[in-house]
Amino acid sequence: MKRWYGKFFGLIAGWLLFRHPAGGLLGLLIGHAFDADWFKSARDNPYGVLQVSSDASDAEVERAYRRLISQYHPDRLAGAAPQLQRQAEEKAREINTAYDRIKTLRKT
């Protein structure tokens, strides 16, 4: 379900702060941005890191994790440049964190 309260409170706050309908429109825009999660980083969405939807099955999540971790595992790039190895380590760490977070979210 989509959130709506950011738009509502943004409209009211913008109108009251600027004491003009244009302020209400500005507040409505800012409220929409919060409702649509424009200010969240990609790391806040573990499903996005694994490139699956939030309603994906456990098998799909596992398959995506194994595919990505095999692609970005630092041991596969043992002979590569140090900068590529660091990037692979960071990406693998991000993938592992996202997978662990999905597993804990689904347990509860």
N, C-alpha and C. Protein backbone atom coordinates (compact mmCIF):
# COMPACT_ATOMS: atom_id res chain seq x y z
N MET A 1 0.84 -1.19 0.00
CA MET A 1 0.00 0.00 0.00
C MET A 1 0.88 1.25 0.00
N LYS A 2 0.54 2.17 -0.82
CA LYS A 2 1.31 3.41 -0.92
C LYS A 2 1.02 4.31 0.29
N ARG A 3 2.03 5.03 0.68
CA ARG A 3 1.85 5.97 1.79
C ARG A 3 1.25 7.26 1.26
N TRP A 4 0.47 7.92 2.08
CA TRP A 4 -0.20 9.14 1.68
C TRP A 4 0.02 10.27 2.67
N TYR A 5 0.40 9.94 3.88
CA TYR A 5 0.42 10.94 4.94
C TYR A 5 1.52 11.98 4.75
N GLY A 6 2.58 11.67 4.03
CA GLY A 6 3.62 12.66 3.77
C GLY A 6 3.09 13.80 2.92
N LYS A 7 2.29 13.44 1.92
CA LYS A 7 1.69 14.47 1.07
C LYS A 7 0.73 15.35 1.87
N PHE A 8 -0.08 14.71 2.71
CA PHE A 8 -1.07 15.44 3.50
C PHE A 8 -0.40 16.43 4.45
N PHE A 9 0.55 15.91 5.24
CA PHE A 9 1.22 16.78 6.21
C PHE A 9 2.12 17.80 5.53
N GLY A 10 2.70 17.43 4.39
CA GLY A 10 3.50 18.38 3.64
C GLY A 10 2.67 19.54 3.11
N LEU A 11 1.48 19.23 2.61
CA LEU A 11 0.58 20.28 2.13
C LEU A 11 0.21 21.24 3.24
N ILE A 12 -0.18 20.70 4.39
CA ILE A 12 -0.58 21.55 5.52
C ILE A 12 0.61 22.36 6.03
N ALA A 13 1.75 21.70 6.22
CA ALA A 13 2.92 22.41 6.75
C ALA A 13 3.40 23.48 5.79
N GLY A 14 3.44 23.19 4.49
CA GLY A 14 3.87 24.19 3.52
C GLY A 14 2.93 25.38 3.48
N TRP A 15 1.63 25.12 3.55
CA TRP A 15 0.65 26.21 3.52
C TRP A 15 0.79 27.09 4.76
N LEU A 16 0.96 26.44 5.92
CA LEU A 16 1.08 27.21 7.16
C LEU A 16 2.41 27.94 7.26
N LEU A 17 3.48 27.34 6.80
CA LEU A 17 4.78 28.00 6.91
C LEU A 17 4.91 29.18 5.96
N PHE A 18 4.44 29.03 4.74
CA PHE A 18 4.57 30.11 3.76
C PHE A 18 3.34 31.00 3.69
N ARG A 19 2.25 30.55 4.31
CA ARG A 19 0.98 31.31 4.34
C ARG A 19 0.54 31.70 2.92
N HIS A 20 0.69 30.72 2.02
CA HIS A 20 0.33 30.95 0.64
C HIS A 20 0.07 29.58 -0.01
N PRO A 21 -0.85 29.51 -0.96
CA PRO A 21 -1.10 28.22 -1.63
C PRO A 21 0.12 27.63 -2.32
N ALA A 22 1.02 28.49 -2.79
CA ALA A 22 2.24 27.97 -3.42
C ALA A 22 3.08 27.21 -2.40
N GLY A 23 3.05 27.63 -1.15
CA GLY A 23 3.74 26.90 -0.09
C GLY A 23 3.14 25.52 0.10
N GLY A 24 1.83 25.45 -0.05
CA GLY A 24 1.17 24.16 0.04
C GLY A 24 1.61 23.23 -1.07
N LEU A 25 1.76 23.77 -2.26
CA LEU A 25 2.23 22.95 -3.39
C LEU A 25 3.67 22.48 -3.17
N LEU A 26 4.50 23.36 -2.63
CA LEU A 26 5.87 22.97 -2.34
C LEU A 26 5.90 21.88 -1.26
N GLY A 27 5.09 22.06 -0.22
CA GLY A 27 5.01 21.04 0.82
C GLY A 27 4.47 19.73 0.28
N LEU A 28 3.51 19.80 -0.62
CA LEU A 28 2.97 18.60 -1.25
C LEU A 28 4.05 17.86 -2.03
N LEU A 29 4.88 18.60 -2.74
CA LEU A 29 5.97 17.98 -3.50
C LEU A 29 6.98 17.32 -2.56
N ILE A 30 7.34 18.00 -1.49
CA ILE A 30 8.29 17.42 -0.54
C ILE A 30 7.68 16.20 0.14
N GLY A 31 6.41 16.27 0.49
CA GLY A 31 5.73 15.12 1.09
C GLY A 31 5.68 13.94 0.15
N HIS A 32 5.46 14.21 -1.13
CA HIS A 32 5.46 13.13 -2.12
C HIS A 32 6.84 12.48 -2.22
N ALA A 33 7.88 13.31 -2.15
CA ALA A 33 9.24 12.77 -2.21
C ALA A 33 9.50 11.84 -1.05
N PHE A 34 9.03 12.17 0.14
CA PHE A 34 9.21 11.28 1.29
C PHE A 34 8.36 10.03 1.15
N ASP A 35 7.15 10.16 0.65
CA ASP A 35 6.29 8.99 0.46
C ASP A 35 6.86 8.03 -0.58
N ALA A 36 7.51 8.56 -1.59
CA ALA A 36 8.05 7.73 -2.66
C ALA A 36 9.48 7.26 -2.36
N ASP A 37 9.99 7.58 -1.19
CA ASP A 37 11.33 7.17 -0.74
C ASP A 37 12.44 7.68 -1.66
N TRP A 38 12.32 8.91 -2.10
CA TRP A 38 13.35 9.50 -2.94
C TRP A 38 14.63 9.74 -2.15
N PHE A 39 14.51 9.89 -0.84
CA PHE A 39 15.66 10.23 -0.02
C PHE A 39 16.33 9.01 0.60
N LYS A 40 15.85 7.82 0.29
CA LYS A 40 16.48 6.60 0.79
C LYS A 40 17.58 6.17 -0.16
N SER A 41 18.63 5.66 0.41
CA SER A 41 19.71 5.17 -0.44
C SER A 41 19.39 3.75 -0.90
N ALA A 42 20.12 3.30 -1.87
CA ALA A 42 19.90 1.95 -2.40
C ALA A 42 20.23 0.89 -1.37
N ARG A 43 21.09 1.20 -0.43
CA ARG A 43 21.46 0.23 0.60
C ARG A 43 20.33 0.00 1.59
N ASP A 44 19.36 0.89 1.63
CA ASP A 44 18.22 0.70 2.53
C ASP A 44 17.26 -0.35 2.00
N ASN A 45 17.41 -0.73 0.76
CA ASN A 45 16.54 -1.72 0.15
C ASN A 45 17.36 -2.97 -0.17
N PRO A 46 17.34 -3.97 0.71
CA PRO A 46 18.16 -5.16 0.44
C PRO A 46 17.69 -5.94 -0.79
N TYR A 47 16.42 -5.84 -1.13
CA TYR A 47 15.91 -6.53 -2.31
C TYR A 47 16.48 -5.91 -3.58
N GLY A 48 16.68 -4.61 -3.58
CA GLY A 48 17.26 -3.94 -4.73
C GLY A 48 18.71 -4.32 -4.96
N VAL A 49 19.43 -4.56 -3.85
CA VAL A 49 20.83 -4.98 -3.98
C VAL A 49 20.91 -6.34 -4.65
N LEU A 50 20.00 -7.25 -4.27
CA LEU A 50 19.99 -8.58 -4.87
C LEU A 50 19.23 -8.63 -6.19
N GLN A 51 18.66 -7.52 -6.60
CA GLN A 51 17.93 -7.39 -7.87
C GLN A 51 16.74 -8.33 -7.95
N VAL A 52 15.98 -8.43 -6.85
CA VAL A 52 14.74 -9.20 -6.82
C VAL A 52 13.66 -8.31 -6.23
N SER A 53 12.40 -8.67 -6.45
CA SER A 53 11.31 -7.91 -5.87
C SER A 53 11.08 -8.35 -4.43
N SER A 54 10.37 -7.54 -3.68
CA SER A 54 10.15 -7.86 -2.27
C SER A 54 9.22 -9.05 -2.07
N ASP A 55 8.48 -9.43 -3.09
CA ASP A 55 7.60 -10.59 -2.97
C ASP A 55 8.22 -11.85 -3.61
N ALA A 56 9.52 -11.83 -3.82
CA ALA A 56 10.21 -12.99 -4.38
C ALA A 56 10.25 -14.12 -3.36
N SER A 57 10.23 -15.34 -3.85
CA SER A 57 10.27 -16.50 -2.95
C SER A 57 11.67 -16.66 -2.37
N ASP A 58 11.77 -17.51 -1.35
CA ASP A 58 13.08 -17.76 -0.74
C ASP A 58 14.04 -18.38 -1.75
N ALA A 59 13.54 -19.23 -2.62
CA ALA A 59 14.40 -19.85 -3.63
C ALA A 59 14.93 -18.81 -4.61
N GLU A 60 14.10 -17.85 -4.99
CA GLU A 60 14.55 -16.80 -5.91
C GLU A 60 15.60 -15.91 -5.25
N VAL A 61 15.40 -15.60 -3.98
CA VAL A 61 16.38 -14.79 -3.25
C VAL A 61 17.70 -15.54 -3.16
N GLU A 62 17.62 -16.82 -2.83
CA GLU A 62 18.83 -17.65 -2.73
C GLU A 62 19.56 -17.72 -4.07
N ARG A 63 18.82 -17.90 -5.16
CA ARG A 63 19.41 -17.98 -6.49
C ARG A 63 20.09 -16.65 -6.86
N ALA A 64 19.42 -15.54 -6.57
CA ALA A 64 20.01 -14.23 -6.88
C ALA A 64 21.27 -13.99 -6.05
N TYR A 65 21.22 -14.39 -4.78
CA TYR A 65 22.39 -14.23 -3.92
C TYR A 65 23.56 -15.03 -4.46
N ARG A 66 23.34 -16.28 -4.78
CA ARG A 66 24.42 -17.14 -5.28
C ARG A 66 24.98 -16.64 -6.61
N ARG A 67 24.10 -16.14 -7.47
CA ARG A 67 24.55 -15.61 -8.76
C ARG A 67 25.44 -14.38 -8.55
N LEU A 68 24.99 -13.46 -7.70
CA LEU A 68 25.75 -12.23 -7.50
C LEU A 68 27.04 -12.45 -6.72
N ILE A 69 26.98 -13.31 -5.70
CA ILE A 69 28.18 -13.51 -4.90
C ILE A 69 29.24 -14.27 -5.70
N SER A 70 28.81 -15.15 -6.61
CA SER A 70 29.80 -15.82 -7.45
C SER A 70 30.41 -14.86 -8.46
N GLN A 71 29.65 -13.86 -8.84
CA GLN A 71 30.15 -12.88 -9.81
C GLN A 71 31.11 -11.90 -9.15
N TYR A 72 30.83 -11.49 -7.91
CA TYR A 72 31.62 -10.45 -7.26
C TYR A 72 32.52 -10.97 -6.14
N HIS A 73 32.69 -12.26 -6.01
CA HIS A 73 33.53 -12.79 -4.93
C HIS A 73 34.98 -12.36 -5.16
N PRO A 74 35.64 -11.84 -4.12
CA PRO A 74 37.01 -11.34 -4.29
C PRO A 74 38.01 -12.40 -4.72
N ASP A 75 37.78 -13.67 -4.40
CA ASP A 75 38.72 -14.72 -4.80
C ASP A 75 38.74 -14.94 -6.30
N ARG A 76 37.66 -14.60 -6.97
CA ARG A 76 37.63 -14.76 -8.43
C ARG A 76 38.52 -13.74 -9.12
N LEU A 77 38.79 -12.63 -8.43
CA LEU A 77 39.61 -11.57 -9.01
C LEU A 77 40.99 -11.51 -8.35
N ALA A 78 41.54 -12.66 -8.03
CA ALA A 78 42.81 -12.71 -7.31
C ALA A 78 43.95 -12.08 -8.10
N GLY A 79 43.96 -12.21 -9.41
CA GLY A 79 45.04 -11.65 -10.21
C GLY A 79 44.74 -10.28 -10.78
N ALA A 80 43.62 -9.70 -10.41
CA ALA A 80 43.22 -8.41 -10.97
C ALA A 80 43.92 -7.26 -10.24
N ALA A 81 43.69 -6.06 -10.73
CA ALA A 81 44.27 -4.87 -10.12
C ALA A 81 43.72 -4.69 -8.71
N PRO A 82 44.51 -4.09 -7.83
CA PRO A 82 44.07 -3.91 -6.44
C PRO A 82 42.77 -3.10 -6.31
N GLN A 83 42.60 -2.13 -7.19
CA GLN A 83 41.37 -1.33 -7.12
C GLN A 83 40.15 -2.18 -7.46
N LEU A 84 40.26 -3.06 -8.43
CA LEU A 84 39.16 -3.96 -8.78
C LEU A 84 38.88 -4.93 -7.64
N GLN A 85 39.92 -5.39 -6.97
CA GLN A 85 39.73 -6.29 -5.84
C GLN A 85 38.98 -5.58 -4.71
N ARG A 86 39.35 -4.32 -4.44
CA ARG A 86 38.65 -3.56 -3.39
C ARG A 86 37.18 -3.36 -3.74
N GLN A 87 36.91 -3.03 -5.01
CA GLN A 87 35.53 -2.84 -5.43
C GLN A 87 34.74 -4.14 -5.30
N ALA A 88 35.37 -5.26 -5.65
CA ALA A 88 34.69 -6.55 -5.53
C ALA A 88 34.43 -6.89 -4.07
N GLU A 89 35.37 -6.58 -3.18
CA GLU A 89 35.17 -6.82 -1.76
C GLU A 89 34.02 -6.00 -1.21
N GLU A 90 33.95 -4.72 -1.61
CA GLU A 90 32.85 -3.86 -1.16
C GLU A 90 31.51 -4.37 -1.66
N LYS A 91 31.47 -4.75 -2.93
CA LYS A 91 30.21 -5.26 -3.51
C LYS A 91 29.80 -6.57 -2.84
N ALA A 92 30.77 -7.46 -2.60
CA ALA A 92 30.46 -8.73 -1.93
C ALA A 92 29.98 -8.49 -0.51
N ARG A 93 30.57 -7.53 0.17
CA ARG A 93 30.13 -7.18 1.53
C ARG A 93 28.70 -6.64 1.50
N GLU A 94 28.40 -5.82 0.51
CA GLU A 94 27.05 -5.27 0.36
C GLU A 94 26.04 -6.38 0.06
N ILE A 95 26.41 -7.32 -0.79
CA ILE A 95 25.53 -8.44 -1.13
C ILE A 95 25.27 -9.31 0.09
N ASN A 96 26.33 -9.62 0.84
CA ASN A 96 26.18 -10.43 2.05
C ASN A 96 25.30 -9.74 3.09
N THR A 97 25.49 -8.44 3.26
CA THR A 97 24.68 -7.69 4.21
C THR A 97 23.21 -7.71 3.80
N ALA A 98 22.95 -7.50 2.52
CA ALA A 98 21.57 -7.50 2.04
C ALA A 98 20.93 -8.88 2.22
N TYR A 99 21.67 -9.93 1.93
CA TYR A 99 21.14 -11.28 2.08
C TYR A 99 20.84 -11.60 3.54
N ASP A 100 21.76 -11.23 4.43
CA ASP A 100 21.53 -11.44 5.87
C ASP A 100 20.32 -10.65 6.35
N ARG A 101 20.18 -9.45 5.84
CA ARG A 101 19.04 -8.61 6.26
C ARG A 101 17.71 -9.20 5.78
N ILE A 102 17.69 -9.71 4.57
CA ILE A 102 16.46 -10.36 4.07
C ILE A 102 16.14 -11.59 4.89
N LYS A 103 17.16 -12.38 5.22
CA LYS A 103 16.93 -13.58 6.02
C LYS A 103 16.35 -13.23 7.40
N THR A 104 16.87 -12.19 8.04
CA THR A 104 16.33 -11.81 9.35
C THR A 104 14.94 -11.19 9.22
N LEU A 105 14.69 -10.45 8.15
CA LEU A 105 13.35 -9.89 7.95
C LEU A 105 12.31 -10.98 7.74
N ARG A 106 12.69 -12.03 7.07
CA ARG A 106 11.74 -13.11 6.78
C ARG A 106 11.56 -14.06 7.94
N LYS A 107 12.49 -14.08 8.88
CA LYS A 107 12.34 -14.93 10.07
C LYS A 107 11.26 -14.40 10.99
N THR A 108 11.20 -13.09 11.12
CA THR A 108 10.26 -12.48 12.07
C THR A 108 8.89 -12.32 11.51
